[in-house]
Amino acid sequence: MSDSIKASLGRRIKTLRRENGLTQAKLALMINVEQSYLSKLELGSRNPSLSMLSKIADAFGITLSELFIFLKLILLLLIISHP
């Protein structure tokens, strides 16, 4: 996973966590990881497994596709800006 995608994913997780009124500690408990690992995910410095991404999506009650919606937007912007 590229650094920019990891950073974007981290921002997405942080946004969803805040929108759901969760602390890092609470979400970490829900997905069975250390809070420090979740913090690194949100900072974009960890490369999560598909299993971990699935746990995160489940914790928010969304699909993996919905978790990665930002990628679709980035690709759309690239297509529009480079016809």
PDB file of N, CA and C in Angstrom:
ATOM      1  N   MET A   1       0.868  -1.169   0.000  1.00  0.00           N
ATOM      2  CA  MET A   1       0.000   0.000   0.000  1.00  0.00           C
ATOM      3  C   MET A   1       0.908   1.224   0.000  1.00  0.00           C
ATOM      4  N   SER A   2       0.661   2.163  -0.910  1.00  0.00           N
ATOM      5  CA  SER A   2       1.500   3.354  -0.997  1.00  0.00           C
ATOM      6  C   SER A   2       1.310   4.239   0.232  1.00  0.00           C
ATOM      7  N   ASP A   3       2.311   5.078   0.472  1.00  0.00           N
ATOM      8  CA  ASP A   3       2.248   5.973   1.633  1.00  0.00           C
ATOM      9  C   ASP A   3       1.049   6.909   1.556  1.00  0.00           C
ATOM     10  N   SER A   4       0.728   7.406   0.361  1.00  0.00           N
ATOM     11  CA  SER A   4      -0.401   8.332   0.244  1.00  0.00           C
ATOM     12  C   SER A   4      -1.731   7.621   0.512  1.00  0.00           C
ATOM     13  N   ILE A   5      -1.839   6.383   0.099  1.00  0.00           N
ATOM     14  CA  ILE A   5      -3.063   5.620   0.369  1.00  0.00           C
ATOM     15  C   ILE A   5      -3.164   5.313   1.858  1.00  0.00           C
ATOM     16  N   LYS A   6      -2.044   4.947   2.489  1.00  0.00           N
ATOM     17  CA  LYS A   6      -2.062   4.688   3.930  1.00  0.00           C
ATOM     18  C   LYS A   6      -2.455   5.948   4.696  1.00  0.00           C
ATOM     19  N   ALA A   7      -1.939   7.093   4.275  1.00  0.00           N
ATOM     20  CA  ALA A   7      -2.284   8.352   4.941  1.00  0.00           C
ATOM     21  C   ALA A   7      -3.762   8.682   4.756  1.00  0.00           C
ATOM     22  N   SER A   8      -4.264   8.486   3.539  1.00  0.00           N
ATOM     23  CA  SER A   8      -5.687   8.749   3.266  1.00  0.00           C
ATOM     24  C   SER A   8      -6.578   7.790   4.041  1.00  0.00           C
ATOM     25  N   LEU A   9      -6.180   6.535   4.100  1.00  0.00           N
ATOM     26  CA  LEU A   9      -6.941   5.540   4.871  1.00  0.00           C
ATOM     27  C   LEU A   9      -6.942   5.920   6.350  1.00  0.00           C
ATOM     28  N   GLY A  10      -5.802   6.338   6.853  1.00  0.00           N
ATOM     29  CA  GLY A  10      -5.708   6.755   8.251  1.00  0.00           C
ATOM     30  C   GLY A  10      -6.635   7.915   8.564  1.00  0.00           C
ATOM     31  N   ARG A  11      -6.676   8.894   7.671  1.00  0.00           N
ATOM     32  CA  ARG A  11      -7.583  10.029   7.863  1.00  0.00           C
ATOM     33  C   ARG A  11      -9.033   9.568   7.824  1.00  0.00           C
ATOM     34  N   ARG A  12      -9.337   8.628   6.948  1.00  0.00           N
ATOM     35  CA  ARG A  12     -10.699   8.107   6.831  1.00  0.00           C
ATOM     36  C   ARG A  12     -11.119   7.396   8.126  1.00  0.00           C
ATOM     37  N   ILE A  13     -10.219   6.576   8.670  1.00  0.00           N
ATOM     38  CA  ILE A  13     -10.519   5.865   9.909  1.00  0.00           C
ATOM     39  C   ILE A  13     -10.735   6.857  11.048  1.00  0.00           C
ATOM     40  N   LYS A  14      -9.882   7.848  11.129  1.00  0.00           N
ATOM     41  CA  LYS A  14     -10.003   8.858  12.184  1.00  0.00           C
ATOM     42  C   LYS A  14     -11.317   9.623  12.061  1.00  0.00           C
ATOM     43  N   THR A  15     -11.679   9.995  10.835  1.00  0.00           N
ATOM     44  CA  THR A  15     -12.938  10.704  10.603  1.00  0.00           C
ATOM     45  C   THR A  15     -14.127   9.852  11.016  1.00  0.00           C
ATOM     46  N   LEU A  16     -14.140   8.597  10.586  1.00  0.00           N
ATOM     47  CA  LEU A  16     -15.237   7.694  10.943  1.00  0.00           C
ATOM     48  C   LEU A  16     -15.304   7.477  12.449  1.00  0.00           C
ATOM     49  N   ARG A  17     -14.153   7.346  13.059  1.00  0.00           N
ATOM     50  CA  ARG A  17     -14.123   7.143  14.515  1.00  0.00           C
ATOM     51  C   ARG A  17     -14.754   8.334  15.231  1.00  0.00           C
ATOM     52  N   ARG A  18     -14.356   9.527  14.822  1.00  0.00           N
ATOM     53  CA  ARG A  18     -14.905  10.727  15.449  1.00  0.00           C
ATOM     54  C   ARG A  18     -16.399  10.883  15.165  1.00  0.00           C
ATOM     55  N   GLU A  19     -16.809  10.605  13.926  1.00  0.00           N
ATOM     56  CA  GLU A  19     -18.232  10.701  13.570  1.00  0.00           C
ATOM     57  C   GLU A  19     -19.083   9.737  14.396  1.00  0.00           C
ATOM     58  N   ASN A  20     -18.478   8.619  14.792  1.00  0.00           N
ATOM     59  CA  ASN A  20     -19.187   7.622  15.586  1.00  0.00           C
ATOM     60  C   ASN A  20     -19.009   7.840  17.085  1.00  0.00           C
ATOM     61  N   GLY A  21     -18.373   8.941  17.454  1.00  0.00           N
ATOM     62  CA  GLY A  21     -18.215   9.281  18.860  1.00  0.00           C
ATOM     63  C   GLY A  21     -17.336   8.322  19.639  1.00  0.00           C
ATOM     64  N   LEU A  22     -16.348   7.760  18.977  1.00  0.00           N
ATOM     65  CA  LEU A  22     -15.468   6.782  19.617  1.00  0.00           C
ATOM     66  C   LEU A  22     -14.094   7.374  19.906  1.00  0.00           C
ATOM     67  N   THR A  23     -13.533   6.995  21.023  1.00  0.00           N
ATOM     68  CA  THR A  23     -12.146   7.326  21.311  1.00  0.00           C
ATOM     69  C   THR A  23     -11.267   6.267  20.650  1.00  0.00           C
ATOM     70  N   GLN A  24      -9.984   6.558  20.551  1.00  0.00           N
ATOM     71  CA  GLN A  24      -9.070   5.538  20.042  1.00  0.00           C
ATOM     72  C   GLN A  24      -9.106   4.303  20.942  1.00  0.00           C
ATOM     73  N   ALA A  25      -9.157   4.540  22.238  1.00  0.00           N
ATOM     74  CA  ALA A  25      -9.171   3.410  23.182  1.00  0.00           C
ATOM     75  C   ALA A  25     -10.386   2.512  22.956  1.00  0.00           C
ATOM     76  N   LYS A  26     -11.554   3.117  22.765  1.00  0.00           N
ATOM     77  CA  LYS A  26     -12.787   2.343  22.570  1.00  0.00           C
ATOM     78  C   LYS A  26     -12.740   1.565  21.254  1.00  0.00           C
ATOM     79  N   LEU A  27     -12.338   2.230  20.164  1.00  0.00           N
ATOM     80  CA  LEU A  27     -12.264   1.530  18.879  1.00  0.00           C
ATOM     81  C   LEU A  27     -11.215   0.429  18.926  1.00  0.00           C
ATOM     82  N   ALA A  28     -10.081   0.699  19.541  1.00  0.00           N
ATOM     83  CA  ALA A  28      -9.037  -0.324  19.663  1.00  0.00           C
ATOM     84  C   ALA A  28      -9.574  -1.553  20.385  1.00  0.00           C
ATOM     85  N   LEU A  29     -10.339  -1.338  21.446  1.00  0.00           N
ATOM     86  CA  LEU A  29     -10.948  -2.441  22.180  1.00  0.00           C
ATOM     87  C   LEU A  29     -11.924  -3.212  21.284  1.00  0.00           C
ATOM     88  N   MET A  30     -12.707  -2.488  20.491  1.00  0.00           N
ATOM     89  CA  MET A  30     -13.697  -3.117  19.612  1.00  0.00           C
ATOM     90  C   MET A  30     -13.058  -4.003  18.549  1.00  0.00           C
ATOM     91  N   ILE A  31     -11.872  -3.600  18.056  1.00  0.00           N
ATOM     92  CA  ILE A  31     -11.223  -4.357  16.980  1.00  0.00           C
ATOM     93  C   ILE A  31     -10.063  -5.209  17.490  1.00  0.00           C
ATOM     94  N   ASN A  32      -9.916  -5.227  18.833  1.00  0.00           N
ATOM     95  CA  ASN A  32      -8.931  -6.094  19.480  1.00  0.00           C
ATOM     96  C   ASN A  32      -7.483  -5.790  19.083  1.00  0.00           C
ATOM     97  N   VAL A  33      -7.117  -4.505  19.160  1.00  0.00           N
ATOM     98  CA  VAL A  33      -5.726  -4.096  18.930  1.00  0.00           C
ATOM     99  C   VAL A  33      -5.323  -3.126  20.035  1.00  0.00           C
ATOM    100  N   GLU A  34      -4.037  -2.895  20.149  1.00  0.00           N
ATOM    101  CA  GLU A  34      -3.533  -1.891  21.082  1.00  0.00           C
ATOM    102  C   GLU A  34      -3.878  -0.500  20.555  1.00  0.00           C
ATOM    103  N   GLN A  35      -4.099   0.430  21.465  1.00  0.00           N
ATOM    104  CA  GLN A  35      -4.391   1.797  21.064  1.00  0.00           C
ATOM    105  C   GLN A  35      -3.228   2.380  20.244  1.00  0.00           C
ATOM    106  N   SER A  36      -2.008   2.018  20.578  1.00  0.00           N
ATOM    107  CA  SER A  36      -0.843   2.529  19.850  1.00  0.00           C
ATOM    108  C   SER A  36      -0.863   2.080  18.389  1.00  0.00           C
ATOM    109  N   TYR A  37      -1.340   0.854  18.135  1.00  0.00           N
ATOM    110  CA  TYR A  37      -1.447   0.368  16.754  1.00  0.00           C
ATOM    111  C   TYR A  37      -2.482   1.185  15.988  1.00  0.00           C
ATOM    112  N   LEU A  38      -3.625   1.435  16.616  1.00  0.00           N
ATOM    113  CA  LEU A  38      -4.668   2.227  15.977  1.00  0.00           C
ATOM    114  C   LEU A  38      -4.168   3.641  15.693  1.00  0.00           C
ATOM    115  N   SER A  39      -3.443   4.209  16.632  1.00  0.00           N
ATOM    116  CA  SER A  39      -2.875   5.543  16.433  1.00  0.00           C
ATOM    117  C   SER A  39      -1.969   5.560  15.205  1.00  0.00           C
ATOM    118  N   LYS A  40      -1.141   4.541  15.066  1.00  0.00           N
ATOM    119  CA  LYS A  40      -0.244   4.456  13.901  1.00  0.00           C
ATOM    120  C   LYS A  40      -1.028   4.264  12.613  1.00  0.00           C
ATOM    121  N   LEU A  41      -2.139   3.515  12.681  1.00  0.00           N
ATOM    122  CA  LEU A  41      -2.997   3.378  11.498  1.00  0.00           C
ATOM    123  C   LEU A  41      -3.546   4.736  11.081  1.00  0.00           C
ATOM    124  N   GLU A  42      -4.035   5.493  12.061  1.00  0.00           N
ATOM    125  CA  GLU A  42      -4.607   6.805  11.772  1.00  0.00           C
ATOM    126  C   GLU A  42      -3.562   7.782  11.251  1.00  0.00           C
ATOM    127  N   LEU A  43      -2.315   7.595  11.647  1.00  0.00           N
ATOM    128  CA  LEU A  43      -1.228   8.451  11.156  1.00  0.00           C
ATOM    129  C   LEU A  43      -0.698   7.995   9.797  1.00  0.00           C
ATOM    130  N   GLY A  44      -1.170   6.830   9.353  1.00  0.00           N
ATOM    131  CA  GLY A  44      -0.737   6.315   8.054  1.00  0.00           C
ATOM    132  C   GLY A  44       0.628   5.660   8.078  1.00  0.00           C
ATOM    133  N   SER A  45       1.069   5.239   9.259  1.00  0.00           N
ATOM    134  CA  SER A  45       2.396   4.628   9.345  1.00  0.00           C
ATOM    135  C   SER A  45       2.358   3.106   9.498  1.00  0.00           C
ATOM    136  N   ARG A  46       1.177   2.526   9.420  1.00  0.00           N
ATOM    137  CA  ARG A  46       1.037   1.070   9.454  1.00  0.00           C
ATOM    138  C   ARG A  46       0.333   0.583   8.197  1.00  0.00           C
ATOM    139  N   ASN A  47       0.622  -0.640   7.823  1.00  0.00           N
ATOM    140  CA  ASN A  47       0.031  -1.255   6.644  1.00  0.00           C
ATOM    141  C   ASN A  47      -0.921  -2.359   7.121  1.00  0.00           C
ATOM    142  N   PRO A  48      -2.214  -2.051   7.287  1.00  0.00           N
ATOM    143  CA  PRO A  48      -3.131  -3.034   7.871  1.00  0.00           C
ATOM    144  C   PRO A  48      -3.440  -4.196   6.929  1.00  0.00           C
ATOM    145  N   SER A  49      -3.688  -5.348   7.530  1.00  0.00           N
ATOM    146  CA  SER A  49      -4.081  -6.530   6.752  1.00  0.00           C
ATOM    147  C   SER A  49      -5.530  -6.392   6.308  1.00  0.00           C
ATOM    148  N   LEU A  50      -5.923  -7.219   5.370  1.00  0.00           N
ATOM    149  CA  LEU A  50      -7.310  -7.241   4.925  1.00  0.00           C
ATOM    150  C   LEU A  50      -8.222  -7.623   6.079  1.00  0.00           C
ATOM    151  N   SER A  51      -7.783  -8.542   6.906  1.00  0.00           N
ATOM    152  CA  SER A  51      -8.554  -8.939   8.082  1.00  0.00           C
ATOM    153  C   SER A  51      -8.766  -7.755   9.023  1.00  0.00           C
ATOM    154  N   MET A  52      -7.731  -6.959   9.237  1.00  0.00           N
ATOM    155  CA  MET A  52      -7.843  -5.787  10.110  1.00  0.00           C
ATOM    156  C   MET A  52      -8.783  -4.757   9.500  1.00  0.00           C
ATOM    157  N   LEU A  53      -8.677  -4.538   8.206  1.00  0.00           N
ATOM    158  CA  LEU A  53      -9.570  -3.586   7.535  1.00  0.00           C
ATOM    159  C   LEU A  53     -11.020  -4.033   7.647  1.00  0.00           C
ATOM    160  N   SER A  54     -11.239  -5.337   7.562  1.00  0.00           N
ATOM    161  CA  SER A  54     -12.589  -5.880   7.699  1.00  0.00           C
ATOM    162  C   SER A  54     -13.124  -5.642   9.107  1.00  0.00           C
ATOM    163  N   LYS A  55     -12.284  -5.833  10.124  1.00  0.00           N
ATOM    164  CA  LYS A  55     -12.692  -5.572  11.509  1.00  0.00           C
ATOM    165  C   LYS A  55     -13.053  -4.100  11.703  1.00  0.00           C
ATOM    166  N   ILE A  56     -12.267  -3.220  11.102  1.00  0.00           N
ATOM    167  CA  ILE A  56     -12.516  -1.779  11.225  1.00  0.00           C
ATOM    168  C   ILE A  56     -13.849  -1.425  10.571  1.00  0.00           C
ATOM    169  N   ALA A  57     -14.051  -1.919   9.346  1.00  0.00           N
ATOM    170  CA  ALA A  57     -15.306  -1.650   8.647  1.00  0.00           C
ATOM    171  C   ALA A  57     -16.491  -2.178   9.457  1.00  0.00           C
ATOM    172  N   ASP A  58     -16.365  -3.392   9.984  1.00  0.00           N
ATOM    173  CA  ASP A  58     -17.437  -3.978  10.802  1.00  0.00           C
ATOM    174  C   ASP A  58     -17.724  -3.123  12.037  1.00  0.00           C
ATOM    175  N   ALA A  59     -16.683  -2.595  12.655  1.00  0.00           N
ATOM    176  CA  ALA A  59     -16.868  -1.771  13.852  1.00  0.00           C
ATOM    177  C   ALA A  59     -17.687  -0.520  13.549  1.00  0.00           C
ATOM    178  N   PHE A  60     -17.551  -0.011  12.331  1.00  0.00           N
ATOM    179  CA  PHE A  60     -18.304   1.181  11.921  1.00  0.00           C
ATOM    180  C   PHE A  60     -19.635   0.828  11.257  1.00  0.00           C
ATOM    181  N   GLY A  61     -19.873  -0.463  11.049  1.00  0.00           N
ATOM    182  CA  GLY A  61     -21.112  -0.885  10.406  1.00  0.00           C
ATOM    183  C   GLY A  61     -21.165  -0.538   8.930  1.00  0.00           C
ATOM    184  N   ILE A  62     -19.992  -0.582   8.284  1.00  0.00           N
ATOM    185  CA  ILE A  62     -19.913  -0.276   6.851  1.00  0.00           C
ATOM    186  C   ILE A  62     -19.191  -1.404   6.126  1.00  0.00           C
ATOM    187  N   THR A  63     -19.257  -1.378   4.804  1.00  0.00           N
ATOM    188  CA  THR A  63     -18.550  -2.365   3.995  1.00  0.00           C
ATOM    189  C   THR A  63     -17.115  -1.904   3.745  1.00  0.00           C
ATOM    190  N   LEU A  64     -16.283  -2.816   3.292  1.00  0.00           N
ATOM    191  CA  LEU A  64     -14.925  -2.438   2.908  1.00  0.00           C
ATOM    192  C   LEU A  64     -14.945  -1.404   1.786  1.00  0.00           C
ATOM    193  N   SER A  65     -15.883  -1.558   0.872  1.00  0.00           N
ATOM    194  CA  SER A  65     -16.023  -0.598  -0.222  1.00  0.00           C
ATOM    195  C   SER A  65     -16.299   0.803   0.323  1.00  0.00           C
ATOM    196  N   GLU A  66     -17.154   0.880   1.324  1.00  0.00           N
ATOM    197  CA  GLU A  66     -17.464   2.183   1.924  1.00  0.00           C
ATOM    198  C   GLU A  66     -16.261   2.745   2.686  1.00  0.00           C
ATOM    199  N   LEU A  67     -15.466   1.865   3.275  1.00  0.00           N
ATOM    200  CA  LEU A  67     -14.263   2.311   3.968  1.00  0.00           C
ATOM    201  C   LEU A  67     -13.289   2.956   2.981  1.00  0.00           C
ATOM    202  N   PHE A  68     -13.238   2.400   1.763  1.00  0.00           N
ATOM    203  CA  PHE A  68     -12.298   2.887   0.758  1.00  0.00           C
ATOM    204  C   PHE A  68     -12.916   3.857  -0.241  1.00  0.00           C
ATOM    205  N   ILE A  69     -14.024   4.472   0.101  1.00  0.00           N
ATOM    206  CA  ILE A  69     -14.692   5.398  -0.816  1.00  0.00           C
ATOM    207  C   ILE A  69     -13.755   6.515  -1.257  1.00  0.00           C
ATOM    208  N   PHE A  70     -12.828   6.917  -0.382  1.00  0.00           N
ATOM    209  CA  PHE A  70     -11.906   7.995  -0.725  1.00  0.00           C
ATOM    210  C   PHE A  70     -11.062   7.652  -1.943  1.00  0.00           C
ATOM    211  N   LEU A  71     -10.756   6.368  -2.156  1.00  0.00           N
ATOM    212  CA  LEU A  71      -9.975   5.977  -3.334  1.00  0.00           C
ATOM    213  C   LEU A  71     -10.746   6.245  -4.614  1.00  0.00           C
ATOM    214  N   LYS A  72     -12.035   5.976  -4.584  1.00  0.00           N
ATOM    215  CA  LYS A  72     -12.865   6.237  -5.755  1.00  0.00           C
ATOM    216  C   LYS A  72     -12.865   7.725  -6.080  1.00  0.00           C
ATOM    217  N   LEU A  73     -12.920   8.556  -5.045  1.00  0.00           N
ATOM    218  CA  LEU A  73     -12.917  10.005  -5.257  1.00  0.00           C
ATOM    219  C   LEU A  73     -11.574  10.475  -5.812  1.00  0.00           C
ATOM    220  N   ILE A  74     -10.484   9.931  -5.293  1.00  0.00           N
ATOM    221  CA  ILE A  74      -9.156  10.300  -5.784  1.00  0.00           C
ATOM    222  C   ILE A  74      -9.013   9.920  -7.248  1.00  0.00           C
ATOM    223  N   LEU A  75      -9.434   8.703  -7.591  1.00  0.00           N
ATOM    224  CA  LEU A  75      -9.350   8.265  -8.992  1.00  0.00           C
ATOM    225  C   LEU A  75     -10.215   9.126  -9.904  1.00  0.00           C
ATOM    226  N   LEU A  76     -11.387   9.481  -9.450  1.00  0.00           N
ATOM    227  CA  LEU A  76     -12.274  10.343 -10.237  1.00  0.00           C
ATOM    228  C   LEU A  76     -11.613  11.697 -10.474  1.00  0.00           C
ATOM    229  N   LEU A  77     -11.019  12.266  -9.446  1.00  0.00           N
ATOM    230  CA  LEU A  77     -10.341  13.557  -9.599  1.00  0.00           C
ATOM    231  C   LEU A  77      -9.170  13.465 -10.567  1.00  0.00           C
ATOM    232  N   LEU A  78      -8.445  12.357 -10.511  1.00  0.00           N
ATOM    233  CA  LEU A  78      -7.311  12.167 -11.437  1.00  0.00           C
ATOM    234  C   LEU A  78      -7.807  12.072 -12.884  1.00  0.00           C
ATOM    235  N   ILE A  79      -8.889  11.362 -13.074  1.00  0.00           N
ATOM    236  CA  ILE A  79      -9.445  11.212 -14.427  1.00  0.00           C
ATOM    237  C   ILE A  79      -9.927  12.558 -14.949  1.00  0.00           C
ATOM    238  N   ILE A  80     -10.589  13.318 -14.120  1.00  0.00           N
ATOM    239  CA  ILE A  80     -11.109  14.627 -14.530  1.00  0.00           C
ATOM    240  C   ILE A  80      -9.979  15.596 -14.837  1.00  0.00           C
ATOM    241  N   SER A  81      -8.928  15.576 -14.021  1.00  0.00           N
ATOM    242  CA  SER A  81      -7.838  16.533 -14.189  1.00  0.00           C
ATOM    243  C   SER A  81      -6.873  16.154 -15.309  1.00  0.00           C
ATOM    244  N   HIS A  82      -6.919  14.918 -15.770  1.00  0.00           N
ATOM    245  CA  HIS A  82      -6.036  14.458 -16.851  1.00  0.00           C
ATOM    246  C   HIS A  82      -6.855  13.753 -17.938  1.00  0.00           C
ATOM    247  N   PRO A  83      -7.640  14.529 -18.689  1.00  0.00           N
ATOM    248  CA  PRO A  83      -8.513  13.894 -19.695  1.00  0.00           C
ATOM    249  C   PRO A  83      -7.743  13.219 -20.818  1.00  0.00           C
TER     250      PRO A  83
END
